[in-house]
């Protein structure tokens, strides 16, 4: 699939260096497209919004700091 503005993706957080918070998937909305791999996302966190640029995860597998398509269930 091709990313388009307004689509929902998963952004995977890094977690904290001390391990208090583990990497976790977060819902995100595509806000801008820079090229075929990198997009700007608005990440929906339990404590607020986070804005970031992210590259597509290799093989669409969850990877901290990257985005991927939500799995279909």
PDB file of N, CA and C in Angstrom:
ATOM      1  N   UNK A   1       0.837  -1.183   0.000  1.00  0.00           N
ATOM      2  CA  UNK A   1       0.000   0.000   0.000  1.00  0.00           C
ATOM      3  C   UNK A   1       0.880   1.245   0.000  1.00  0.00           C
ATOM      4  N   UNK A   2       0.342   2.294  -0.513  1.00  0.00           N
ATOM      5  CA  UNK A   2       1.057   3.557  -0.565  1.00  0.00           C
ATOM      6  C   UNK A   2       0.541   4.477   0.547  1.00  0.00           C
ATOM      7  N   UNK A   3       1.445   5.093   1.325  1.00  0.00           N
ATOM      8  CA  UNK A   3       0.973   6.000   2.373  1.00  0.00           C
ATOM      9  C   UNK A   3       0.343   7.254   1.777  1.00  0.00           C
ATOM     10  N   UNK A   4      -0.764   7.682   2.370  1.00  0.00           N
ATOM     11  CA  UNK A   4      -1.428   8.917   1.966  1.00  0.00           C
ATOM     12  C   UNK A   4      -1.807   9.696   3.214  1.00  0.00           C
ATOM     13  N   UNK A   5      -1.902  11.003   3.065  1.00  0.00           N
ATOM     14  CA  UNK A   5      -2.230  11.877   4.191  1.00  0.00           C
ATOM     15  C   UNK A   5      -3.591  11.497   4.763  1.00  0.00           C
ATOM     16  N   UNK A   6      -3.632  11.405   6.101  1.00  0.00           N
ATOM     17  CA  UNK A   6      -4.858  11.071   6.805  1.00  0.00           C
ATOM     18  C   UNK A   6      -5.012   9.601   7.148  1.00  0.00           C
ATOM     19  N   UNK A   7      -4.182   8.727   6.583  1.00  0.00           N
ATOM     20  CA  UNK A   7      -4.279   7.288   6.887  1.00  0.00           C
ATOM     21  C   UNK A   7      -3.738   7.007   8.282  1.00  0.00           C
ATOM     22  N   UNK A   8      -4.272   5.970   8.896  1.00  0.00           N
ATOM     23  CA  UNK A   8      -3.817   5.523  10.210  1.00  0.00           C
ATOM     24  C   UNK A   8      -2.708   4.481  10.027  1.00  0.00           C
ATOM     25  N   UNK A   9      -1.627   4.645  10.775  1.00  0.00           N
ATOM     26  CA  UNK A   9      -0.524   3.687  10.781  1.00  0.00           C
ATOM     27  C   UNK A   9      -0.157   3.420  12.232  1.00  0.00           C
ATOM     28  N   UNK A  10       0.758   2.495  12.455  1.00  0.00           N
ATOM     29  CA  UNK A  10       1.332   2.274  13.778  1.00  0.00           C
ATOM     30  C   UNK A  10       2.714   2.899  13.800  1.00  0.00           C
ATOM     31  N   UNK A  11       2.995   3.659  14.847  1.00  0.00           N
ATOM     32  CA  UNK A  11       4.341   4.163  15.111  1.00  0.00           C
ATOM     33  C   UNK A  11       4.824   3.414  16.342  1.00  0.00           C
ATOM     34  N   UNK A  12       6.035   2.910  16.312  1.00  0.00           N
ATOM     35  CA  UNK A  12       6.562   2.153  17.450  1.00  0.00           C
ATOM     36  C   UNK A  12       7.528   3.010  18.241  1.00  0.00           C
ATOM     37  N   UNK A  13       7.154   3.263  19.496  1.00  0.00           N
ATOM     38  CA  UNK A  13       7.987   4.087  20.373  1.00  0.00           C
ATOM     39  C   UNK A  13       9.283   3.355  20.715  1.00  0.00           C
ATOM     40  N   UNK A  14      10.283   4.129  21.131  1.00  0.00           N
ATOM     41  CA  UNK A  14      11.568   3.560  21.517  1.00  0.00           C
ATOM     42  C   UNK A  14      11.552   2.972  22.925  1.00  0.00           C
ATOM     43  N   UNK A  15      10.684   3.473  23.773  1.00  0.00           N
ATOM     44  CA  UNK A  15      10.771   3.129  25.188  1.00  0.00           C
ATOM     45  C   UNK A  15      11.787   4.050  25.845  1.00  0.00           C
ATOM     46  N   UNK A  16      11.998   3.886  27.133  1.00  0.00           N
ATOM     47  CA  UNK A  16      12.945   4.744  27.851  1.00  0.00           C
ATOM     48  C   UNK A  16      14.285   4.028  28.025  1.00  0.00           C
ATOM     49  N   UNK A  17      15.379   4.807  28.081  1.00  0.00           N
ATOM     50  CA  UNK A  17      16.700   4.197  28.210  1.00  0.00           C
ATOM     51  C   UNK A  17      16.831   3.306  29.451  1.00  0.00           C
ATOM     52  N   UNK A  18      16.178   3.697  30.552  1.00  0.00           N
ATOM     53  CA  UNK A  18      16.272   2.917  31.784  1.00  0.00           C
ATOM     54  C   UNK A  18      15.340   1.724  31.823  1.00  0.00           C
ATOM     55  N   UNK A  19      14.492   1.572  30.803  1.00  0.00           N
ATOM     56  CA  UNK A  19      13.589   0.435  30.742  1.00  0.00           C
ATOM     57  C   UNK A  19      12.288   0.596  31.510  1.00  0.00           C
ATOM     58  N   UNK A  20      12.020   1.819  32.037  1.00  0.00           N
ATOM     59  CA  UNK A  20      10.759   2.036  32.751  1.00  0.00           C
ATOM     60  C   UNK A  20       9.571   1.801  31.814  1.00  0.00           C
ATOM     61  N   UNK A  21       9.727   2.228  30.568  1.00  0.00           N
ATOM     62  CA  UNK A  21       8.696   2.026  29.550  1.00  0.00           C
ATOM     63  C   UNK A  21       9.302   1.253  28.397  1.00  0.00           C
ATOM     64  N   UNK A  22       8.662   0.189  28.003  1.00  0.00           N
ATOM     65  CA  UNK A  22       9.127  -0.660  26.905  1.00  0.00           C
ATOM     66  C   UNK A  22       8.675  -0.063  25.575  1.00  0.00           C
ATOM     67  N   UNK A  23       9.337  -0.407  24.460  1.00  0.00           N
ATOM     68  CA  UNK A  23       8.835   0.008  23.153  1.00  0.00           C
ATOM     69  C   UNK A  23       7.403  -0.507  22.975  1.00  0.00           C
ATOM     70  N   UNK A  24       6.554   0.326  22.377  1.00  0.00           N
ATOM     71  CA  UNK A  24       5.141  -0.051  22.235  1.00  0.00           C
ATOM     72  C   UNK A  24       4.557   0.550  20.966  1.00  0.00           C
ATOM     73  N   UNK A  25       3.593  -0.137  20.341  1.00  0.00           N
ATOM     74  CA  UNK A  25       2.936   0.439  19.174  1.00  0.00           C
ATOM     75  C   UNK A  25       1.960   1.527  19.612  1.00  0.00           C
ATOM     76  N   UNK A  26       1.885   2.567  18.812  1.00  0.00           N
ATOM     77  CA  UNK A  26       0.958   3.675  19.057  1.00  0.00           C
ATOM     78  C   UNK A  26       0.232   3.993  17.752  1.00  0.00           C
ATOM     79  N   UNK A  27      -1.023   4.348  17.865  1.00  0.00           N
ATOM     80  CA  UNK A  27      -1.770   4.801  16.693  1.00  0.00           C
ATOM     81  C   UNK A  27      -1.184   6.134  16.232  1.00  0.00           C
ATOM     82  N   UNK A  28      -1.107   6.327  14.931  1.00  0.00           N
ATOM     83  CA  UNK A  28      -0.573   7.572  14.384  1.00  0.00           C
ATOM     84  C   UNK A  28      -1.318   7.906  13.090  1.00  0.00           C
ATOM     85  N   UNK A  29      -1.399   9.187  12.805  1.00  0.00           N
ATOM     86  CA  UNK A  29      -2.041   9.676  11.585  1.00  0.00           C
ATOM     87  C   UNK A  29      -0.960  10.281  10.700  1.00  0.00           C
ATOM     88  N   UNK A  30      -0.969   9.933   9.430  1.00  0.00           N
ATOM     89  CA  UNK A  30      -0.003  10.505   8.488  1.00  0.00           C
ATOM     90  C   UNK A  30      -0.367  11.969   8.234  1.00  0.00           C
ATOM     91  N   UNK A  31       0.576  12.867   8.543  1.00  0.00           N
ATOM     92  CA  UNK A  31       0.346  14.297   8.370  1.00  0.00           C
ATOM     93  C   UNK A  31       1.011  14.847   7.109  1.00  0.00           C
ATOM     94  N   UNK A  32       2.091  14.207   6.658  1.00  0.00           N
ATOM     95  CA  UNK A  32       2.795  14.660   5.460  1.00  0.00           C
ATOM     96  C   UNK A  32       3.624  13.494   4.928  1.00  0.00           C
ATOM     97  N   UNK A  33       3.914  13.539   3.645  1.00  0.00           N
ATOM     98  CA  UNK A  33       4.703  12.490   2.999  1.00  0.00           C
ATOM     99  C   UNK A  33       5.930  13.152   2.398  1.00  0.00           C
ATOM    100  N   UNK A  34       7.105  12.648   2.759  1.00  0.00           N
ATOM    101  CA  UNK A  34       8.354  13.238   2.270  1.00  0.00           C
ATOM    102  C   UNK A  34       8.921  12.463   1.085  1.00  0.00           C
ATOM    103  N   UNK A  35       8.781  11.154   1.101  1.00  0.00           N
ATOM    104  CA  UNK A  35       9.179  10.303  -0.018  1.00  0.00           C
ATOM    105  C   UNK A  35       8.512   8.948   0.191  1.00  0.00           C
ATOM    106  N   UNK A  36       8.918   7.945  -0.543  1.00  0.00           N
ATOM    107  CA  UNK A  36       8.262   6.637  -0.431  1.00  0.00           C
ATOM    108  C   UNK A  36       8.455   5.975   0.921  1.00  0.00           C
ATOM    109  N   UNK A  37       9.455   6.380   1.686  1.00  0.00           N
ATOM    110  CA  UNK A  37       9.738   5.725   2.956  1.00  0.00           C
ATOM    111  C   UNK A  37       9.466   6.600   4.170  1.00  0.00           C
ATOM    112  N   UNK A  38       9.784   7.900   4.101  1.00  0.00           N
ATOM    113  CA  UNK A  38       9.660   8.759   5.276  1.00  0.00           C
ATOM    114  C   UNK A  38       8.385   9.589   5.234  1.00  0.00           C
ATOM    115  N   UNK A  39       7.702   9.633   6.392  1.00  0.00           N
ATOM    116  CA  UNK A  39       6.478  10.413   6.529  1.00  0.00           C
ATOM    117  C   UNK A  39       6.545  11.195   7.835  1.00  0.00           C
ATOM    118  N   UNK A  40       5.687  12.215   7.950  1.00  0.00           N
ATOM    119  CA  UNK A  40       5.479  12.893   9.227  1.00  0.00           C
ATOM    120  C   UNK A  40       4.224  12.310   9.837  1.00  0.00           C
ATOM    121  N   UNK A  41       4.297  12.001  11.136  1.00  0.00           N
ATOM    122  CA  UNK A  41       3.159  11.401  11.820  1.00  0.00           C
ATOM    123  C   UNK A  41       2.784  12.208  13.050  1.00  0.00           C
ATOM    124  N   UNK A  42       1.497  12.159  13.383  1.00  0.00           N
ATOM    125  CA  UNK A  42       0.982  12.661  14.649  1.00  0.00           C
ATOM    126  C   UNK A  42       0.670  11.410  15.456  1.00  0.00           C
ATOM    127  N   UNK A  43       1.469  11.171  16.486  1.00  0.00           N
ATOM    128  CA  UNK A  43       1.350   9.945  17.277  1.00  0.00           C
ATOM    129  C   UNK A  43       0.402  10.198  18.445  1.00  0.00           C
ATOM    130  N   UNK A  44      -0.552   9.296  18.628  1.00  0.00           N
ATOM    131  CA  UNK A  44      -1.533   9.414  19.705  1.00  0.00           C
ATOM    132  C   UNK A  44      -1.056   8.605  20.903  1.00  0.00           C
ATOM    133  N   UNK A  45      -0.502   9.290  21.892  1.00  0.00           N
ATOM    134  CA  UNK A  45      -0.011   8.654  23.111  1.00  0.00           C
ATOM    135  C   UNK A  45      -1.050   8.796  24.212  1.00  0.00           C
ATOM    136  N   UNK A  46      -1.034   7.932  25.217  1.00  0.00           N
ATOM    137  CA  UNK A  46      -1.973   8.072  26.324  1.00  0.00           C
ATOM    138  C   UNK A  46      -1.858   9.413  27.046  1.00  0.00           C
ATOM    139  N   UNK A  47      -0.666  10.033  27.022  1.00  0.00           N
ATOM    140  CA  UNK A  47      -0.470  11.295  27.735  1.00  0.00           C
ATOM    141  C   UNK A  47      -0.462  12.522  26.818  1.00  0.00           C
ATOM    142  N   UNK A  48      -0.736  12.354  25.525  1.00  0.00           N
ATOM    143  CA  UNK A  48      -0.764  13.499  24.626  1.00  0.00           C
ATOM    144  C   UNK A  48      -0.275  13.153  23.232  1.00  0.00           C
ATOM    145  N   UNK A  49      -0.129  14.190  22.424  1.00  0.00           N
ATOM    146  CA  UNK A  49       0.299  14.011  21.038  1.00  0.00           C
ATOM    147  C   UNK A  49       1.807  14.152  20.917  1.00  0.00           C
ATOM    148  N   UNK A  50       2.362  13.461  19.928  1.00  0.00           N
ATOM    149  CA  UNK A  50       3.793  13.510  19.635  1.00  0.00           C
ATOM    150  C   UNK A  50       3.918  13.654  18.127  1.00  0.00           C
ATOM    151  N   UNK A  51       4.776  14.552  17.672  1.00  0.00           N
ATOM    152  CA  UNK A  51       4.968  14.788  16.248  1.00  0.00           C
ATOM    153  C   UNK A  51       6.372  14.334  15.862  1.00  0.00           C
ATOM    154  N   UNK A  52       6.469  13.570  14.773  1.00  0.00           N
ATOM    155  CA  UNK A  52       7.769  13.032  14.401  1.00  0.00           C
ATOM    156  C   UNK A  52       7.800  12.678  12.922  1.00  0.00           C
ATOM    157  N   UNK A  53       9.009  12.574  12.389  1.00  0.00           N
ATOM    158  CA  UNK A  53       9.219  11.981  11.071  1.00  0.00           C
ATOM    159  C   UNK A  53       9.644  10.547  11.311  1.00  0.00           C
ATOM    160  N   UNK A  54       9.207   9.648  10.460  1.00  0.00           N
ATOM    161  CA  UNK A  54       9.570   8.238  10.642  1.00  0.00           C
ATOM    162  C   UNK A  54       9.676   7.562   9.290  1.00  0.00           C
ATOM    163  N   UNK A  55      10.562   6.587   9.234  1.00  0.00           N
ATOM    164  CA  UNK A  55      10.707   5.765   8.029  1.00  0.00           C
ATOM    165  C   UNK A  55       9.876   4.504   8.178  1.00  0.00           C
ATOM    166  N   UNK A  56       9.524   3.915   7.048  1.00  0.00           N
ATOM    167  CA  UNK A  56       8.769   2.674   7.039  1.00  0.00           C
ATOM    168  C   UNK A  56       9.641   1.552   7.595  1.00  0.00           C
ATOM    169  N   UNK A  57       9.074   0.731   8.454  1.00  0.00           N
ATOM    170  CA  UNK A  57       9.817  -0.375   9.061  1.00  0.00           C
ATOM    171  C   UNK A  57      10.203  -1.402   7.997  1.00  0.00           C
ATOM    172  N   UNK A  58      11.426  -1.924   8.074  1.00  0.00           N
ATOM    173  CA  UNK A  58      11.841  -2.954   7.112  1.00  0.00           C
ATOM    174  C   UNK A  58      10.882  -4.143   7.131  1.00  0.00           C
ATOM    175  N   UNK A  59      10.459  -4.567   5.979  1.00  0.00           N
ATOM    176  CA  UNK A  59       9.522  -5.690   5.826  1.00  0.00           C
ATOM    177  C   UNK A  59       8.209  -5.457   6.576  1.00  0.00           C
ATOM    178  N   UNK A  60       7.892  -4.203   6.908  1.00  0.00           N
ATOM    179  CA  UNK A  60       6.660  -3.827   7.606  1.00  0.00           C
ATOM    180  C   UNK A  60       6.540  -4.509   8.971  1.00  0.00           C
ATOM    181  N   UNK A  61       7.698  -4.852   9.589  1.00  0.00           N
ATOM    182  CA  UNK A  61       7.702  -5.488  10.902  1.00  0.00           C
ATOM    183  C   UNK A  61       7.896  -4.415  11.974  1.00  0.00           C
ATOM    184  N   UNK A  62       7.160  -4.494  13.090  1.00  0.00           N
ATOM    185  CA  UNK A  62       7.298  -3.492  14.150  1.00  0.00           C
ATOM    186  C   UNK A  62       8.756  -3.266  14.554  1.00  0.00           C
ATOM    187  N   UNK A  63       9.187  -2.009  14.461  1.00  0.00           N
ATOM    188  CA  UNK A  63      10.564  -1.621  14.754  1.00  0.00           C
ATOM    189  C   UNK A  63      10.542  -0.283  15.475  1.00  0.00           C
ATOM    190  N   UNK A  64      11.148  -0.169  16.666  1.00  0.00           N
ATOM    191  CA  UNK A  64      11.142   1.122  17.360  1.00  0.00           C
ATOM    192  C   UNK A  64      11.635   2.266  16.471  1.00  0.00           C
ATOM    193  N   UNK A  65      10.915   3.398  16.531  1.00  0.00           N
ATOM    194  CA  UNK A  65      11.274   4.578  15.759  1.00  0.00           C
ATOM    195  C   UNK A  65      10.801   4.563  14.320  1.00  0.00           C
ATOM    196  N   UNK A  66      10.052   3.543  13.919  1.00  0.00           N
ATOM    197  CA  UNK A  66       9.561   3.404  12.553  1.00  0.00           C
ATOM    198  C   UNK A  66       8.036   3.265  12.551  1.00  0.00           C
ATOM    199  N   UNK A  67       7.463   3.354  11.376  1.00  0.00           N
ATOM    200  CA  UNK A  67       6.023   3.131  11.236  1.00  0.00           C
ATOM    201  C   UNK A  67       5.791   1.873  10.410  1.00  0.00           C
ATOM    202  N   UNK A  68       4.609   1.291  10.592  1.00  0.00           N
ATOM    203  CA  UNK A  68       4.187   0.163   9.749  1.00  0.00           C
ATOM    204  C   UNK A  68       2.668   0.178   9.649  1.00  0.00           C
ATOM    205  N   UNK A  69       2.161  -0.594   8.703  1.00  0.00           N
ATOM    206  CA  UNK A  69       0.719  -0.696   8.539  1.00  0.00           C
ATOM    207  C   UNK A  69       0.161  -1.544   9.677  1.00  0.00           C
ATOM    208  N   UNK A  70      -1.011  -1.172  10.226  1.00  0.00           N
ATOM    209  CA  UNK A  70      -1.609  -1.990  11.283  1.00  0.00           C
ATOM    210  C   UNK A  70      -1.925  -3.395  10.752  1.00  0.00           C
ATOM    211  N   UNK A  71      -1.742  -4.412  11.595  1.00  0.00           N
ATOM    212  CA  UNK A  71      -2.078  -5.758  11.144  1.00  0.00           C
ATOM    213  C   UNK A  71      -3.587  -5.903  10.960  1.00  0.00           C
ATOM    214  N   UNK A  72      -3.981  -6.706  10.024  1.00  0.00           N
ATOM    215  CA  UNK A  72      -5.408  -6.969   9.799  1.00  0.00           C
ATOM    216  C   UNK A  72      -5.805  -8.185  10.638  1.00  0.00           C
ATOM    217  N   UNK A  73      -6.869  -8.037  11.367  1.00  0.00           N
ATOM    218  CA  UNK A  73      -7.333  -9.152  12.206  1.00  0.00           C
ATOM    219  C   UNK A  73      -8.763  -9.495  11.886  1.00  0.00           C
TER     220      UNK A  73
END
